[in-house]
Amino acid sequence: MKKGQHPMQAQVGDYVLFLRKSAIEIKFDGDLYLIVPHAALLMLIRDIEDD
C-alpha cells in the first residue's frame, strides 16, 4: 500500500463516492438499495466523534 493510503471499509452512516455504473439497484419491501462492489468505491467520508 502506498504512503497516505488506507484500506476502506464502509460502515452505516458513511458517505461514499462510487462509480455509479458499477452499482446494482434493488428494491426490497418498497425501499431502494444500491449494491456497490468494493472496487467501485472511490472515496469514503466518515464523521469521527470525540469521546
PDB file of N, CA and C in Angstrom:
ATOM      1  N   MET A   1       0.847  -1.173   0.000  1.00  0.00           N
ATOM      2  CA  MET A   1       0.000   0.000   0.000  1.00  0.00           C
ATOM      3  C   MET A   1       0.896   1.241   0.000  1.00  0.00           C
ATOM      4  N   LYS A   2       0.526   2.241  -0.782  1.00  0.00           N
ATOM      5  CA  LYS A   2       1.316   3.467  -0.890  1.00  0.00           C
ATOM      6  C   LYS A   2       1.130   4.359   0.332  1.00  0.00           C
ATOM      7  N   LYS A   3       2.122   5.200   0.590  1.00  0.00           N
ATOM      8  CA  LYS A   3       2.062   6.135   1.705  1.00  0.00           C
ATOM      9  C   LYS A   3       0.840   7.049   1.551  1.00  0.00           C
ATOM     10  N   GLY A   4       0.103   7.247   2.636  1.00  0.00           N
ATOM     11  CA  GLY A   4      -1.079   8.106   2.602  1.00  0.00           C
ATOM     12  C   GLY A   4      -2.353   7.381   2.207  1.00  0.00           C
ATOM     13  N   GLN A   5      -2.268   6.107   1.858  1.00  0.00           N
ATOM     14  CA  GLN A   5      -3.455   5.337   1.504  1.00  0.00           C
ATOM     15  C   GLN A   5      -3.867   4.467   2.681  1.00  0.00           C
ATOM     16  N   HIS A   6      -5.167   4.289   2.838  1.00  0.00           N
ATOM     17  CA  HIS A   6      -5.704   3.462   3.907  1.00  0.00           C
ATOM     18  C   HIS A   6      -6.800   2.582   3.327  1.00  0.00           C
ATOM     19  N   PRO A   7      -6.909   1.332   3.770  1.00  0.00           N
ATOM     20  CA  PRO A   7      -7.990   0.481   3.270  1.00  0.00           C
ATOM     21  C   PRO A   7      -9.344   1.045   3.685  1.00  0.00           C
ATOM     22  N   MET A   8     -10.349   0.907   2.809  1.00  0.00           N
ATOM     23  CA  MET A   8     -11.685   1.429   3.093  1.00  0.00           C
ATOM     24  C   MET A   8     -12.620   0.286   3.468  1.00  0.00           C
ATOM     25  N   GLN A   9     -13.336   0.450   4.548  1.00  0.00           N
ATOM     26  CA  GLN A   9     -14.387  -0.475   4.932  1.00  0.00           C
ATOM     27  C   GLN A   9     -15.601   0.372   5.280  1.00  0.00           C
ATOM     28  N   ALA A  10     -16.565   0.433   4.376  1.00  0.00           N
ATOM     29  CA  ALA A  10     -17.742   1.282   4.578  1.00  0.00           C
ATOM     30  C   ALA A  10     -18.575   0.772   5.744  1.00  0.00           C
ATOM     31  N   GLN A  11     -19.136   1.729   6.502  1.00  0.00           N
ATOM     32  CA  GLN A  11     -19.997   1.422   7.638  1.00  0.00           C
ATOM     33  C   GLN A  11     -21.285   2.226   7.507  1.00  0.00           C
ATOM     34  N   VAL A  12     -22.302   1.825   8.241  1.00  0.00           N
ATOM     35  CA  VAL A  12     -23.569   2.554   8.248  1.00  0.00           C
ATOM     36  C   VAL A  12     -23.301   3.992   8.669  1.00  0.00           C
ATOM     37  N   GLY A  13     -23.840   4.942   7.903  1.00  0.00           N
ATOM     38  CA  GLY A  13     -23.669   6.361   8.210  1.00  0.00           C
ATOM     39  C   GLY A  13     -22.549   7.034   7.435  1.00  0.00           C
ATOM     40  N   ASP A  14     -21.711   6.251   6.745  1.00  0.00           N
ATOM     41  CA  ASP A  14     -20.631   6.820   5.940  1.00  0.00           C
ATOM     42  C   ASP A  14     -21.198   7.437   4.665  1.00  0.00           C
ATOM     43  N   TYR A  15     -20.501   8.430   4.144  1.00  0.00           N
ATOM     44  CA  TYR A  15     -20.775   8.975   2.818  1.00  0.00           C
ATOM     45  C   TYR A  15     -19.719   8.400   1.891  1.00  0.00           C
ATOM     46  N   VAL A  16     -20.160   7.880   0.741  1.00  0.00           N
ATOM     47  CA  VAL A  16     -19.240   7.195  -0.165  1.00  0.00           C
ATOM     48  C   VAL A  16     -19.404   7.734  -1.576  1.00  0.00           C
ATOM     49  N   LEU A  17     -18.285   8.041  -2.211  1.00  0.00           N
ATOM     50  CA  LEU A  17     -18.266   8.392  -3.626  1.00  0.00           C
ATOM     51  C   LEU A  17     -17.909   7.112  -4.366  1.00  0.00           C
ATOM     52  N   PHE A  18     -18.738   6.736  -5.355  1.00  0.00           N
ATOM     53  CA  PHE A  18     -18.525   5.466  -6.043  1.00  0.00           C
ATOM     54  C   PHE A  18     -18.853   5.601  -7.521  1.00  0.00           C
ATOM     55  N   LEU A  19     -18.431   4.625  -8.290  1.00  0.00           N
ATOM     56  CA  LEU A  19     -18.720   4.578  -9.722  1.00  0.00           C
ATOM     57  C   LEU A  19     -20.166   4.111  -9.909  1.00  0.00           C
ATOM     58  N   ARG A  20     -21.024   5.014 -10.341  1.00  0.00           N
ATOM     59  CA  ARG A  20     -22.465   4.754 -10.445  1.00  0.00           C
ATOM     60  C   ARG A  20     -22.777   3.563 -11.360  1.00  0.00           C
ATOM     61  N   LYS A  21     -22.048   3.426 -12.454  1.00  0.00           N
ATOM     62  CA  LYS A  21     -22.333   2.343 -13.401  1.00  0.00           C
ATOM     63  C   LYS A  21     -22.010   0.967 -12.830  1.00  0.00           C
ATOM     64  N   SER A  22     -21.241   0.924 -11.746  1.00  0.00           N
ATOM     65  CA  SER A  22     -20.897  -0.349 -11.113  1.00  0.00           C
ATOM     66  C   SER A  22     -21.938  -0.792 -10.091  1.00  0.00           C
ATOM     67  N   ALA A  23     -22.837   0.113  -9.702  1.00  0.00           N
ATOM     68  CA  ALA A  23     -23.833  -0.191  -8.672  1.00  0.00           C
ATOM     69  C   ALA A  23     -25.020  -0.947  -9.267  1.00  0.00           C
ATOM     70  N   ILE A  24     -25.624  -1.778  -8.444  1.00  0.00           N
ATOM     71  CA  ILE A  24     -26.819  -2.525  -8.829  1.00  0.00           C
ATOM     72  C   ILE A  24     -27.959  -2.058  -7.930  1.00  0.00           C
ATOM     73  N   GLU A  25     -29.062  -1.617  -8.529  1.00  0.00           N
ATOM     74  CA  GLU A  25     -30.223  -1.167  -7.761  1.00  0.00           C
ATOM     75  C   GLU A  25     -31.154  -2.338  -7.500  1.00  0.00           C
ATOM     76  N   ILE A  26     -31.592  -2.460  -6.250  1.00  0.00           N
ATOM     77  CA  ILE A  26     -32.614  -3.453  -5.922  1.00  0.00           C
ATOM     78  C   ILE A  26     -33.682  -2.771  -5.073  1.00  0.00           C
ATOM     79  N   LYS A  27     -34.898  -3.267  -5.192  1.00  0.00           N
ATOM     80  CA  LYS A  27     -35.997  -2.755  -4.372  1.00  0.00           C
ATOM     81  C   LYS A  27     -36.448  -3.899  -3.470  1.00  0.00           C
ATOM     82  N   PHE A  28     -36.500  -3.618  -2.160  1.00  0.00           N
ATOM     83  CA  PHE A  28     -36.881  -4.629  -1.190  1.00  0.00           C
ATOM     84  C   PHE A  28     -37.857  -4.006  -0.205  1.00  0.00           C
ATOM     85  N   ASP A  29     -39.011  -4.579  -0.068  1.00  0.00           N
ATOM     86  CA  ASP A  29     -40.060  -4.063   0.822  1.00  0.00           C
ATOM     87  C   ASP A  29     -40.341  -2.584   0.577  1.00  0.00           C
ATOM     88  N   GLY A  30     -40.313  -2.173  -0.687  1.00  0.00           N
ATOM     89  CA  GLY A  30     -40.629  -0.795  -1.044  1.00  0.00           C
ATOM     90  C   GLY A  30     -39.481   0.186  -0.898  1.00  0.00           C
ATOM     91  N   ASP A  31     -38.326  -0.274  -0.394  1.00  0.00           N
ATOM     92  CA  ASP A  31     -37.153   0.594  -0.247  1.00  0.00           C
ATOM     93  C   ASP A  31     -36.142   0.293  -1.346  1.00  0.00           C
ATOM     94  N   LEU A  32     -35.477   1.340  -1.836  1.00  0.00           N
ATOM     95  CA  LEU A  32     -34.468   1.189  -2.878  1.00  0.00           C
ATOM     96  C   LEU A  32     -33.086   1.103  -2.240  1.00  0.00           C
ATOM     97  N   TYR A  33     -32.314   0.107  -2.637  1.00  0.00           N
ATOM     98  CA  TYR A  33     -30.956  -0.095  -2.134  1.00  0.00           C
ATOM     99  C   TYR A  33     -29.985  -0.137  -3.300  1.00  0.00           C
ATOM    100  N   LEU A  34     -28.750   0.252  -3.054  1.00  0.00           N
ATOM    101  CA  LEU A  34     -27.684   0.132  -4.035  1.00  0.00           C
ATOM    102  C   LEU A  34     -26.649  -0.854  -3.520  1.00  0.00           C
ATOM    103  N   ILE A  35     -26.315  -1.824  -4.336  1.00  0.00           N
ATOM    104  CA  ILE A  35     -25.242  -2.763  -4.020  1.00  0.00           C
ATOM    105  C   ILE A  35     -24.031  -2.285  -4.807  1.00  0.00           C
ATOM    106  N   VAL A  36     -22.967  -1.927  -4.094  1.00  0.00           N
ATOM    107  CA  VAL A  36     -21.778  -1.356  -4.729  1.00  0.00           C
ATOM    108  C   VAL A  36     -20.575  -2.246  -4.430  1.00  0.00           C
ATOM    109  N   PRO A  37     -19.908  -2.759  -5.454  1.00  0.00           N
ATOM    110  CA  PRO A  37     -18.708  -3.564  -5.214  1.00  0.00           C
ATOM    111  C   PRO A  37     -17.604  -2.729  -4.566  1.00  0.00           C
ATOM    112  N   HIS A  38     -16.814  -3.358  -3.723  1.00  0.00           N
ATOM    113  CA  HIS A  38     -15.734  -2.659  -3.022  1.00  0.00           C
ATOM    114  C   HIS A  38     -14.797  -1.963  -4.011  1.00  0.00           C
ATOM    115  N   ALA A  39     -14.538  -2.573  -5.150  1.00  0.00           N
ATOM    116  CA  ALA A  39     -13.625  -1.998  -6.150  1.00  0.00           C
ATOM    117  C   ALA A  39     -14.169  -0.708  -6.762  1.00  0.00           C
ATOM    118  N   ALA A  40     -15.473  -0.445  -6.623  1.00  0.00           N
ATOM    119  CA  ALA A  40     -16.082   0.758  -7.196  1.00  0.00           C
ATOM    120  C   ALA A  40     -16.051   1.949  -6.235  1.00  0.00           C
ATOM    121  N   LEU A  41     -15.613   1.747  -4.987  1.00  0.00           N
ATOM    122  CA  LEU A  41     -15.520   2.844  -4.021  1.00  0.00           C
ATOM    123  C   LEU A  41     -14.337   3.733  -4.364  1.00  0.00           C
ATOM    124  N   LEU A  42     -14.586   5.033  -4.475  1.00  0.00           N
ATOM    125  CA  LEU A  42     -13.524   5.984  -4.794  1.00  0.00           C
ATOM    126  C   LEU A  42     -13.078   6.776  -3.568  1.00  0.00           C
ATOM    127  N   MET A  43     -14.038   7.120  -2.701  1.00  0.00           N
ATOM    128  CA  MET A  43     -13.727   7.928  -1.529  1.00  0.00           C
ATOM    129  C   MET A  43     -14.759   7.633  -0.447  1.00  0.00           C
ATOM    130  N   LEU A  44     -14.306   7.652   0.802  1.00  0.00           N
ATOM    131  CA  LEU A  44     -15.180   7.394   1.932  1.00  0.00           C
ATOM    132  C   LEU A  44     -15.020   8.525   2.939  1.00  0.00           C
ATOM    133  N   ILE A  45     -16.144   9.113   3.380  1.00  0.00           N
ATOM    134  CA  ILE A  45     -16.118  10.195   4.366  1.00  0.00           C
ATOM    135  C   ILE A  45     -16.874   9.711   5.595  1.00  0.00           C
ATOM    136  N   ARG A  46     -16.225   9.834   6.752  1.00  0.00           N
ATOM    137  CA  ARG A  46     -16.824   9.366   7.999  1.00  0.00           C
ATOM    138  C   ARG A  46     -16.651  10.433   9.068  1.00  0.00           C
ATOM    139  N   ASP A  47     -17.723  10.702   9.815  1.00  0.00           N
ATOM    140  CA  ASP A  47     -17.623  11.598  10.966  1.00  0.00           C
ATOM    141  C   ASP A  47     -16.945  10.840  12.097  1.00  0.00           C
ATOM    142  N   ILE A  48     -15.923  11.436  12.671  1.00  0.00           N
ATOM    143  CA  ILE A  48     -15.239  10.832  13.809  1.00  0.00           C
ATOM    144  C   ILE A  48     -15.642  11.622  15.046  1.00  0.00           C
ATOM    145  N   GLU A  49     -16.310  10.948  15.961  1.00  0.00           N
ATOM    146  CA  GLU A  49     -16.773  11.600  17.181  1.00  0.00           C
ATOM    147  C   GLU A  49     -15.684  11.554  18.237  1.00  0.00           C
ATOM    148  N   ASP A  50     -15.492  12.671  18.922  1.00  0.00           N
ATOM    149  CA  ASP A  50     -14.540  12.711  20.031  1.00  0.00           C
ATOM    150  C   ASP A  50     -15.218  12.174  21.279  1.00  0.00           C
ATOM    151  N   ASP A  51     -14.539  11.278  21.988  1.00  0.00           N
ATOM    152  CA  ASP A  51     -15.101  10.718  23.231  1.00  0.00           C
ATOM    153  C   ASP A  51     -14.834  11.617  24.402  1.00  0.00           C
TER     154      ASP A  51
END
